[in-house]
Amino acid sequence: MTSLQSPPREFYTAQELAQMLRVTEMTIYRMAKRGQLPFYSIGRSMRFRAAEVEAFLRAAKGQTPMGDA
């Protein structure tokens, strides 16, 4: 019997990541350009490795939003 599940995603687009995190694509691009969110450039596209996004989220857990001091 074969599994109908697709293999886990290794990379996400900015649009996919924005939908997952419920933020705008512009927020994802800004975070990437600031160096907060690691990304890979493939041509003119940005790709985000799933494991690195998970590490970013673990590190960000419990931090206050930027701008709040």
C-alpha atoms as a PDB file:
ATOM      1  CA  MET A   1       0.000   0.000   0.000  1.00  0.00           C
ATOM      2  CA  THR A   2       1.419   3.394  -0.957  1.00  0.00           C
ATOM      3  CA  SER A   3       1.015   6.597   0.983  1.00  0.00           C
ATOM      4  CA  LEU A   4      -0.843   9.447  -0.681  1.00  0.00           C
ATOM      5  CA  GLN A   5       0.858  12.051   1.485  1.00  0.00           C
ATOM      6  CA  SER A   6       3.368  14.289  -0.205  1.00  0.00           C
ATOM      7  CA  PRO A   7       6.846  14.527   1.282  1.00  0.00           C
ATOM      8  CA  PRO A   8       7.445  17.316   3.791  1.00  0.00           C
ATOM      9  CA  ARG A   9       8.221  20.689   2.246  1.00  0.00           C
ATOM     10  CA  GLU A  10      11.835  21.761   2.480  1.00  0.00           C
ATOM     11  CA  PHE A  11      11.383  25.292   1.100  1.00  0.00           C
ATOM     12  CA  TYR A  12       8.574  27.853   1.188  1.00  0.00           C
ATOM     13  CA  THR A  13       7.906  30.922  -0.913  1.00  0.00           C
ATOM     14  CA  ALA A  14       7.325  34.291   0.755  1.00  0.00           C
ATOM     15  CA  GLN A  15       3.629  33.980  -0.084  1.00  0.00           C
ATOM     16  CA  GLU A  16       3.331  30.518   1.488  1.00  0.00           C
ATOM     17  CA  LEU A  17       5.239  31.601   4.572  1.00  0.00           C
ATOM     18  CA  ALA A  18       3.122  34.746   4.941  1.00  0.00           C
ATOM     19  CA  GLN A  19      -0.052  32.662   4.801  1.00  0.00           C
ATOM     20  CA  MET A  20       1.301  30.208   7.381  1.00  0.00           C
ATOM     21  CA  LEU A  21       2.329  32.984   9.791  1.00  0.00           C
ATOM     22  CA  ARG A  22      -0.706  35.159   9.016  1.00  0.00           C
ATOM     23  CA  VAL A  23       1.322  38.211   8.075  1.00  0.00           C
ATOM     24  CA  THR A  24       1.705  40.046   4.779  1.00  0.00           C
ATOM     25  CA  GLU A  25       4.268  39.098   2.170  1.00  0.00           C
ATOM     26  CA  MET A  26       5.836  42.526   2.691  1.00  0.00           C
ATOM     27  CA  THR A  27       6.450  41.620   6.353  1.00  0.00           C
ATOM     28  CA  ILE A  28       8.279  38.464   5.256  1.00  0.00           C
ATOM     29  CA  TYR A  29      10.401  40.427   2.768  1.00  0.00           C
ATOM     30  CA  ARG A  30      11.259  43.067   5.379  1.00  0.00           C
ATOM     31  CA  MET A  31      12.254  40.458   7.950  1.00  0.00           C
ATOM     32  CA  ALA A  32      14.448  38.734   5.375  1.00  0.00           C
ATOM     33  CA  LYS A  33      16.146  41.961   4.262  1.00  0.00           C
ATOM     34  CA  ARG A  34      16.825  42.908   7.913  1.00  0.00           C
ATOM     35  CA  GLY A  35      18.514  39.554   8.432  1.00  0.00           C
ATOM     36  CA  GLN A  36      15.879  38.357  10.895  1.00  0.00           C
ATOM     37  CA  LEU A  37      14.679  35.526   8.687  1.00  0.00           C
ATOM     38  CA  PRO A  38      17.224  33.475   6.705  1.00  0.00           C
ATOM     39  CA  PHE A  39      16.498  33.031   3.007  1.00  0.00           C
ATOM     40  CA  TYR A  40      17.977  31.733  -0.221  1.00  0.00           C
ATOM     41  CA  SER A  41      17.969  33.701  -3.467  1.00  0.00           C
ATOM     42  CA  ILE A  42      17.054  31.643  -6.475  1.00  0.00           C
ATOM     43  CA  GLY A  43      17.063  33.919  -9.466  1.00  0.00           C
ATOM     44  CA  ARG A  44      14.854  36.810  -8.436  1.00  0.00           C
ATOM     45  CA  SER A  45      12.919  34.706  -5.921  1.00  0.00           C
ATOM     46  CA  MET A  46      13.384  34.207  -2.193  1.00  0.00           C
ATOM     47  CA  ARG A  47      12.982  30.771  -0.676  1.00  0.00           C
ATOM     48  CA  PHE A  48      12.823  29.950   3.015  1.00  0.00           C
ATOM     49  CA  ARG A  49      14.041  26.591   4.365  1.00  0.00           C
ATOM     50  CA  ALA A  50      11.449  24.999   6.652  1.00  0.00           C
ATOM     51  CA  ALA A  51      13.995  23.992   9.326  1.00  0.00           C
ATOM     52  CA  GLU A  52      15.368  27.542   9.498  1.00  0.00           C
ATOM     53  CA  VAL A  53      11.872  29.021   9.772  1.00  0.00           C
ATOM     54  CA  GLU A  54      11.149  26.630  12.656  1.00  0.00           C
ATOM     55  CA  ALA A  55      14.399  27.681  14.377  1.00  0.00           C
ATOM     56  CA  PHE A  56      13.481  31.339  13.881  1.00  0.00           C
ATOM     57  CA  LEU A  57      10.061  30.757  15.435  1.00  0.00           C
ATOM     58  CA  ARG A  58      11.553  28.904  18.418  1.00  0.00           C
ATOM     59  CA  ALA A  59      14.002  31.769  19.014  1.00  0.00           C
ATOM     60  CA  ALA A  60      11.247  34.368  18.662  1.00  0.00           C
ATOM     61  CA  LYS A  61       8.904  32.582  21.083  1.00  0.00           C
ATOM     62  CA  GLY A  62       7.989  34.875  23.946  1.00  0.00           C
ATOM     63  CA  GLN A  63       9.822  37.953  22.649  1.00  0.00           C
ATOM     64  CA  THR A  64       8.011  41.282  22.617  1.00  0.00           C
ATOM     65  CA  PRO A  65       7.146  42.662  19.178  1.00  0.00           C
ATOM     66  CA  MET A  66       9.630  45.056  17.608  1.00  0.00           C
ATOM     67  CA  GLY A  67       8.975  48.654  18.522  1.00  0.00           C
ATOM     68  CA  ASP A  68       7.699  47.805  22.004  1.00  0.00           C
ATOM     69  CA  ALA A  69      10.136  48.805  24.697  1.00  0.00           C
END
